[in-house]
Amino acid sequence: MQEELEDLYAAQEAGIAFILGHSHVRAKQGSSVLKKLALNYGYNFLRRICKGLDVALKVPLVSLSEVGMVYS
């Protein structure tokens, strides 16, 4: 693990760009009301209030690229 951390620090010092992936989950049209509430509102609420990886890893904004995908 120490070796992997050293590699990450070396990449950061070299100015490597960071790519973070985001997933958005939505219930299907025919899903039950409980599933729609849990996924469409509960999951997204928890996703919004949790600290993002870019903040946790202290990634500079100029080195950050974000991509996303929607699951249903």
PDB file of N, CA and C in Angstrom:
ATOM      1  N   MET A   1       0.822  -1.185   0.000  1.00  0.00           N
ATOM      2  CA  MET A   1       0.000   0.000   0.000  1.00  0.00           C
ATOM      3  C   MET A   1       0.874   1.260   0.000  1.00  0.00           C
ATOM      4  N   GLN A   2       1.965   1.218   0.715  1.00  0.00           N
ATOM      5  CA  GLN A   2       2.864   2.373   0.773  1.00  0.00           C
ATOM      6  C   GLN A   2       3.424   2.690  -0.613  1.00  0.00           C
ATOM      7  N   GLU A   3       3.714   1.648  -1.381  1.00  0.00           N
ATOM      8  CA  GLU A   3       4.245   1.845  -2.727  1.00  0.00           C
ATOM      9  C   GLU A   3       3.205   2.513  -3.632  1.00  0.00           C
ATOM     10  N   GLU A   4       1.950   2.113  -3.499  1.00  0.00           N
ATOM     11  CA  GLU A   4       0.884   2.724  -4.292  1.00  0.00           C
ATOM     12  C   GLU A   4       0.704   4.193  -3.930  1.00  0.00           C
ATOM     13  N   LEU A   5       0.784   4.507  -2.631  1.00  0.00           N
ATOM     14  CA  LEU A   5       0.684   5.910  -2.215  1.00  0.00           C
ATOM     15  C   LEU A   5       1.828   6.736  -2.766  1.00  0.00           C
ATOM     16  N   GLU A   6       3.019   6.180  -2.777  1.00  0.00           N
ATOM     17  CA  GLU A   6       4.164   6.892  -3.326  1.00  0.00           C
ATOM     18  C   GLU A   6       3.975   7.147  -4.821  1.00  0.00           C
ATOM     19  N   ASP A   7       3.404   6.161  -5.536  1.00  0.00           N
ATOM     20  CA  ASP A   7       3.128   6.349  -6.962  1.00  0.00           C
ATOM     21  C   ASP A   7       2.104   7.452  -7.181  1.00  0.00           C
ATOM     22  N   LEU A   8       1.077   7.498  -6.340  1.00  0.00           N
ATOM     23  CA  LEU A   8       0.068   8.552  -6.459  1.00  0.00           C
ATOM     24  C   LEU A   8       0.659   9.930  -6.199  1.00  0.00           C
ATOM     25  N   TYR A   9       1.493  10.034  -5.184  1.00  0.00           N
ATOM     26  CA  TYR A   9       2.126  11.324  -4.886  1.00  0.00           C
ATOM     27  C   TYR A   9       3.053  11.751  -6.026  1.00  0.00           C
ATOM     28  N   ALA A  10       3.784  10.806  -6.607  1.00  0.00           N
ATOM     29  CA  ALA A  10       4.676  11.121  -7.718  1.00  0.00           C
ATOM     30  C   ALA A  10       3.876  11.597  -8.925  1.00  0.00           C
ATOM     31  N   ALA A  11       2.739  10.954  -9.189  1.00  0.00           N
ATOM     32  CA  ALA A  11       1.889  11.377 -10.305  1.00  0.00           C
ATOM     33  C   ALA A  11       1.311  12.761 -10.057  1.00  0.00           C
ATOM     34  N   GLN A  12       0.939  13.034  -8.820  1.00  0.00           N
ATOM     35  CA  GLN A  12       0.390  14.347  -8.486  1.00  0.00           C
ATOM     36  C   GLN A  12       1.441  15.429  -8.680  1.00  0.00           C
ATOM     37  N   GLU A  13       2.643  15.165  -8.277  1.00  0.00           N
ATOM     38  CA  GLU A  13       3.720  16.146  -8.429  1.00  0.00           C
ATOM     39  C   GLU A  13       4.052  16.389  -9.901  1.00  0.00           C
ATOM     40  N   ALA A  14       3.837  15.360 -10.739  1.00  0.00           N
ATOM     41  CA  ALA A  14       4.126  15.496 -12.166  1.00  0.00           C
ATOM     42  C   ALA A  14       3.017  16.231 -12.911  1.00  0.00           C
ATOM     43  N   GLY A  15       1.898  16.516 -12.249  1.00  0.00           N
ATOM     44  CA  GLY A  15       0.809  17.255 -12.880  1.00  0.00           C
ATOM     45  C   GLY A  15      -0.169  16.380 -13.639  1.00  0.00           C
ATOM     46  N   ILE A  16      -0.292  15.138 -13.249  1.00  0.00           N
ATOM     47  CA  ILE A  16      -1.203  14.204 -13.905  1.00  0.00           C
ATOM     48  C   ILE A  16      -2.644  14.650 -13.683  1.00  0.00           C
ATOM     49  N   ALA A  17      -3.477  14.496 -14.692  1.00  0.00           N
ATOM     50  CA  ALA A  17      -4.898  14.843 -14.581  1.00  0.00           C
ATOM     51  C   ALA A  17      -5.647  13.722 -13.867  1.00  0.00           C
ATOM     52  N   PHE A  18      -6.637  14.086 -13.090  1.00  0.00           N
ATOM     53  CA  PHE A  18      -7.466  13.132 -12.369  1.00  0.00           C
ATOM     54  C   PHE A  18      -8.806  13.019 -13.080  1.00  0.00           C
ATOM     55  N   ILE A  19      -9.283  11.805 -13.259  1.00  0.00           N
ATOM     56  CA  ILE A  19     -10.583  11.572 -13.874  1.00  0.00           C
ATOM     57  C   ILE A  19     -11.452  10.882 -12.840  1.00  0.00           C
ATOM     58  N   LEU A  20     -12.545  11.533 -12.457  1.00  0.00           N
ATOM     59  CA  LEU A  20     -13.472  10.969 -11.477  1.00  0.00           C
ATOM     60  C   LEU A  20     -14.766  10.593 -12.170  1.00  0.00           C
ATOM     61  N   GLY A  21     -15.298   9.448 -11.806  1.00  0.00           N
ATOM     62  CA  GLY A  21     -16.551   8.989 -12.384  1.00  0.00           C
ATOM     63  C   GLY A  21     -17.700   9.206 -11.422  1.00  0.00           C
ATOM     64  N   HIS A  22     -18.842   9.574 -11.955  1.00  0.00           N
ATOM     65  CA  HIS A  22     -20.055   9.758 -11.159  1.00  0.00           C
ATOM     66  C   HIS A  22     -21.139   8.857 -11.713  1.00  0.00           C
ATOM     67  N   SER A  23     -21.893   8.253 -10.831  1.00  0.00           N
ATOM     68  CA  SER A  23     -23.024   7.431 -11.233  1.00  0.00           C
ATOM     69  C   SER A  23     -24.297   8.046 -10.682  1.00  0.00           C
ATOM     70  N   HIS A  24     -25.304   8.093 -11.509  1.00  0.00           N
ATOM     71  CA  HIS A  24     -26.620   8.575 -11.099  1.00  0.00           C
ATOM     72  C   HIS A  24     -27.586   7.408 -11.221  1.00  0.00           C
ATOM     73  N   VAL A  25     -28.307   7.133 -10.169  1.00  0.00           N
ATOM     74  CA  VAL A  25     -29.235   6.000 -10.145  1.00  0.00           C
ATOM     75  C   VAL A  25     -30.656   6.530 -10.153  1.00  0.00           C
ATOM     76  N   ARG A  26     -31.487   5.985 -11.040  1.00  0.00           N
ATOM     77  CA  ARG A  26     -32.896   6.349 -11.112  1.00  0.00           C
ATOM     78  C   ARG A  26     -33.709   5.071 -11.240  1.00  0.00           C
ATOM     79  N   ALA A  27     -34.865   5.043 -10.611  1.00  0.00           N
ATOM     80  CA  ALA A  27     -35.755   3.892 -10.697  1.00  0.00           C
ATOM     81  C   ALA A  27     -36.434   3.864 -12.065  1.00  0.00           C
ATOM     82  N   LYS A  28     -36.728   2.661 -12.544  1.00  0.00           N
ATOM     83  CA  LYS A  28     -37.417   2.517 -13.825  1.00  0.00           C
ATOM     84  C   LYS A  28     -38.842   3.035 -13.721  1.00  0.00           C
ATOM     85  N   GLN A  29     -39.461   3.278 -14.865  1.00  0.00           N
ATOM     86  CA  GLN A  29     -40.821   3.804 -14.917  1.00  0.00           C
ATOM     87  C   GLN A  29     -41.819   2.915 -14.178  1.00  0.00           C
ATOM     88  N   GLY A  30     -41.731   1.610 -14.308  1.00  0.00           N
ATOM     89  CA  GLY A  30     -42.706   0.702 -13.714  1.00  0.00           C
ATOM     90  C   GLY A  30     -42.391   0.283 -12.289  1.00  0.00           C
ATOM     91  N   SER A  31     -41.430   0.908 -11.637  1.00  0.00           N
ATOM     92  CA  SER A  31     -41.023   0.520 -10.282  1.00  0.00           C
ATOM     93  C   SER A  31     -42.065   0.938  -9.252  1.00  0.00           C
ATOM     94  N   SER A  32     -42.028   0.275  -8.100  1.00  0.00           N
ATOM     95  CA  SER A  32     -42.959   0.612  -7.020  1.00  0.00           C
ATOM     96  C   SER A  32     -42.630   1.986  -6.440  1.00  0.00           C
ATOM     97  N   VAL A  33     -43.584   2.545  -5.729  1.00  0.00           N
ATOM     98  CA  VAL A  33     -43.419   3.871  -5.139  1.00  0.00           C
ATOM     99  C   VAL A  33     -42.278   3.861  -4.128  1.00  0.00           C
ATOM    100  N   LEU A  34     -42.163   2.791  -3.350  1.00  0.00           N
ATOM    101  CA  LEU A  34     -41.098   2.696  -2.348  1.00  0.00           C
ATOM    102  C   LEU A  34     -39.722   2.694  -3.008  1.00  0.00           C
ATOM    103  N   LYS A  35     -39.597   1.937  -4.089  1.00  0.00           N
ATOM    104  CA  LYS A  35     -38.312   1.889  -4.794  1.00  0.00           C
ATOM    105  C   LYS A  35     -37.986   3.243  -5.414  1.00  0.00           C
ATOM    106  N   LYS A  36     -39.001   3.918  -5.974  1.00  0.00           N
ATOM    107  CA  LYS A  36     -38.767   5.243  -6.550  1.00  0.00           C
ATOM    108  C   LYS A  36     -38.316   6.241  -5.488  1.00  0.00           C
ATOM    109  N   LEU A  37     -38.964   6.202  -4.321  1.00  0.00           N
ATOM    110  CA  LEU A  37     -38.555   7.103  -3.237  1.00  0.00           C
ATOM    111  C   LEU A  37     -37.138   6.807  -2.782  1.00  0.00           C
ATOM    112  N   ALA A  38     -36.842   5.522  -2.586  1.00  0.00           N
ATOM    113  CA  ALA A  38     -35.523   5.136  -2.089  1.00  0.00           C
ATOM    114  C   ALA A  38     -34.419   5.517  -3.069  1.00  0.00           C
ATOM    115  N   LEU A  39     -34.623   5.234  -4.348  1.00  0.00           N
ATOM    116  CA  LEU A  39     -33.576   5.499  -5.328  1.00  0.00           C
ATOM    117  C   LEU A  39     -33.541   6.942  -5.795  1.00  0.00           C
ATOM    118  N   ASN A  40     -34.682   7.459  -6.200  1.00  0.00           N
ATOM    119  CA  ASN A  40     -34.694   8.802  -6.784  1.00  0.00           C
ATOM    120  C   ASN A  40     -34.414   9.899  -5.762  1.00  0.00           C
ATOM    121  N   TYR A  41     -34.841   9.703  -4.544  1.00  0.00           N
ATOM    122  CA  TYR A  41     -34.660  10.751  -3.537  1.00  0.00           C
ATOM    123  C   TYR A  41     -33.630  10.374  -2.480  1.00  0.00           C
ATOM    124  N   GLY A  42     -33.766   9.188  -1.885  1.00  0.00           N
ATOM    125  CA  GLY A  42     -32.860   8.778  -0.810  1.00  0.00           C
ATOM    126  C   GLY A  42     -31.418   8.653  -1.259  1.00  0.00           C
ATOM    127  N   TYR A  43     -31.174   7.899  -2.329  1.00  0.00           N
ATOM    128  CA  TYR A  43     -29.809   7.702  -2.823  1.00  0.00           C
ATOM    129  C   TYR A  43     -29.199   9.020  -3.274  1.00  0.00           C
ATOM    130  N   ASN A  44     -29.950   9.806  -4.018  1.00  0.00           N
ATOM    131  CA  ASN A  44     -29.412  11.076  -4.505  1.00  0.00           C
ATOM    132  C   ASN A  44     -29.146  12.062  -3.373  1.00  0.00           C
ATOM    133  N   PHE A  45     -29.984  12.035  -2.329  1.00  0.00           N
ATOM    134  CA  PHE A  45     -29.734  12.888  -1.165  1.00  0.00           C
ATOM    135  C   PHE A  45     -28.420  12.495  -0.503  1.00  0.00           C
ATOM    136  N   LEU A  46     -28.219  11.202  -0.282  1.00  0.00           N
ATOM    137  CA  LEU A  46     -26.977  10.739   0.341  1.00  0.00           C
ATOM    138  C   LEU A  46     -25.759  11.048  -0.530  1.00  0.00           C
ATOM    139  N   ARG A  47     -25.900  10.927  -1.840  1.00  0.00           N
ATOM    140  CA  ARG A  47     -24.807  11.216  -2.755  1.00  0.00           C
ATOM    141  C   ARG A  47     -24.410  12.692  -2.681  1.00  0.00           C
ATOM    142  N   ARG A  48     -25.417  13.577  -2.552  1.00  0.00           N
ATOM    143  CA  ARG A  48     -25.131  15.018  -2.497  1.00  0.00           C
ATOM    144  C   ARG A  48     -24.476  15.445  -1.196  1.00  0.00           C
ATOM    145  N   ILE A  49     -24.862  14.850  -0.064  1.00  0.00           N
ATOM    146  CA  ILE A  49     -24.335  15.324   1.214  1.00  0.00           C
ATOM    147  C   ILE A  49     -22.987  14.708   1.566  1.00  0.00           C
ATOM    148  N   CYS A  50     -22.587  13.651   0.880  1.00  0.00           N
ATOM    149  CA  CYS A  50     -21.287  13.031   1.160  1.00  0.00           C
ATOM    150  C   CYS A  50     -20.182  13.828   0.476  1.00  0.00           C
ATOM    151  N   LYS A  51     -19.046  13.868   1.127  1.00  0.00           N
ATOM    152  CA  LYS A  51     -17.902  14.583   0.582  1.00  0.00           C
ATOM    153  C   LYS A  51     -17.403  13.857  -0.662  1.00  0.00           C
ATOM    154  N   GLY A  52     -17.153  14.585  -1.707  1.00  0.00           N
ATOM    155  CA  GLY A  52     -16.681  13.993  -2.952  1.00  0.00           C
ATOM    156  C   GLY A  52     -15.221  13.591  -2.879  1.00  0.00           C
ATOM    157  N   LEU A  53     -14.825  12.709  -3.785  1.00  0.00           N
ATOM    158  CA  LEU A  53     -13.439  12.259  -3.822  1.00  0.00           C
ATOM    159  C   LEU A  53     -12.473  13.389  -4.134  1.00  0.00           C
ATOM    160  N   ASP A  54     -12.901  14.333  -4.966  1.00  0.00           N
ATOM    161  CA  ASP A  54     -12.012  15.439  -5.301  1.00  0.00           C
ATOM    162  C   ASP A  54     -11.667  16.267  -4.071  1.00  0.00           C
ATOM    163  N   VAL A  55     -12.620  16.423  -3.154  1.00  0.00           N
ATOM    164  CA  VAL A  55     -12.363  17.165  -1.915  1.00  0.00           C
ATOM    165  C   VAL A  55     -11.524  16.321  -0.967  1.00  0.00           C
ATOM    166  N   ALA A  56     -11.866  15.047  -0.835  1.00  0.00           N
ATOM    167  CA  ALA A  56     -11.153  14.164   0.083  1.00  0.00           C
ATOM    168  C   ALA A  56      -9.697  13.978  -0.326  1.00  0.00           C
ATOM    169  N   LEU A  57      -9.439  13.909  -1.632  1.00  0.00           N
ATOM    170  CA  LEU A  57      -8.070  13.711  -2.115  1.00  0.00           C
ATOM    171  C   LEU A  57      -7.335  15.022  -2.378  1.00  0.00           C
ATOM    172  N   LYS A  58      -8.013  16.155  -2.171  1.00  0.00           N
ATOM    173  CA  LYS A  58      -7.430  17.488  -2.374  1.00  0.00           C
ATOM    174  C   LYS A  58      -6.897  17.649  -3.792  1.00  0.00           C
ATOM    175  N   VAL A  59      -7.737  17.301  -4.768  1.00  0.00           N
ATOM    176  CA  VAL A  59      -7.364  17.392  -6.177  1.00  0.00           C
ATOM    177  C   VAL A  59      -7.558  18.830  -6.640  1.00  0.00           C
ATOM    178  N   PRO A  60      -6.537  19.444  -7.240  1.00  0.00           N
ATOM    179  CA  PRO A  60      -6.714  20.799  -7.760  1.00  0.00           C
ATOM    180  C   PRO A  60      -7.701  20.798  -8.923  1.00  0.00           C
ATOM    181  N   LEU A  61      -8.542  21.835  -8.991  1.00  0.00           N
ATOM    182  CA  LEU A  61      -9.589  21.894 -10.012  1.00  0.00           C
ATOM    183  C   LEU A  61      -9.036  21.903 -11.434  1.00  0.00           C
ATOM    184  N   VAL A  62      -7.867  22.464 -11.643  1.00  0.00           N
ATOM    185  CA  VAL A  62      -7.304  22.504 -12.994  1.00  0.00           C
ATOM    186  C   VAL A  62      -6.884  21.120 -13.475  1.00  0.00           C
ATOM    187  N   SER A  63      -6.689  20.165 -12.556  1.00  0.00           N
ATOM    188  CA  SER A  63      -6.279  18.814 -12.907  1.00  0.00           C
ATOM    189  C   SER A  63      -7.428  17.825 -12.914  1.00  0.00           C
ATOM    190  N   LEU A  64      -8.662  18.311 -12.753  1.00  0.00           N
ATOM    191  CA  LEU A  64      -9.808  17.427 -12.554  1.00  0.00           C
ATOM    192  C   LEU A  64     -10.701  17.380 -13.782  1.00  0.00           C
ATOM    193  N   SER A  65     -11.081  16.171 -14.159  1.00  0.00           N
ATOM    194  CA  SER A  65     -12.046  15.954 -15.225  1.00  0.00           C
ATOM    195  C   SER A  65     -13.078  14.969 -14.688  1.00  0.00           C
ATOM    196  N   GLU A  66     -14.359  15.305 -14.827  1.00  0.00           N
ATOM    197  CA  GLU A  66     -15.417  14.457 -14.280  1.00  0.00           C
ATOM    198  C   GLU A  66     -16.263  13.892 -15.409  1.00  0.00           C
ATOM    199  N   VAL A  67     -16.559  12.604 -15.302  1.00  0.00           N
ATOM    200  CA  VAL A  67     -17.425  11.929 -16.270  1.00  0.00           C
ATOM    201  C   VAL A  67     -18.570  11.289 -15.510  1.00  0.00           C
ATOM    202  N   GLY A  68     -19.678  11.042 -16.179  1.00  0.00           N
ATOM    203  CA  GLY A  68     -20.822  10.487 -15.484  1.00  0.00           C
ATOM    204  C   GLY A  68     -21.593   9.482 -16.318  1.00  0.00           C
ATOM    205  N   MET A  69     -22.470   8.754 -15.613  1.00  0.00           N
ATOM    206  CA  MET A  69     -23.310   7.742 -16.244  1.00  0.00           C
ATOM    207  C   MET A  69     -24.607   7.637 -15.466  1.00  0.00           C
ATOM    208  N   VAL A  70     -25.704   7.406 -16.170  1.00  0.00           N
ATOM    209  CA  VAL A  70     -26.999   7.270 -15.523  1.00  0.00           C
ATOM    210  C   VAL A  70     -27.437   5.813 -15.600  1.00  0.00           C
ATOM    211  N   TYR A  71     -27.725   5.218 -14.437  1.00  0.00           N
ATOM    212  CA  TYR A  71     -28.246   3.849 -14.376  1.00  0.00           C
ATOM    213  C   TYR A  71     -29.723   3.912 -14.075  1.00  0.00           C
ATOM    214  N   SER A  72     -30.513   3.095 -14.754  1.00  0.00           N
ATOM    215  CA  SER A  72     -31.945   3.026 -14.448  1.00  0.00           C
ATOM    216  C   SER A  72     -32.419   1.593 -14.479  1.00  0.00           C
TER     217      SER A  72
END
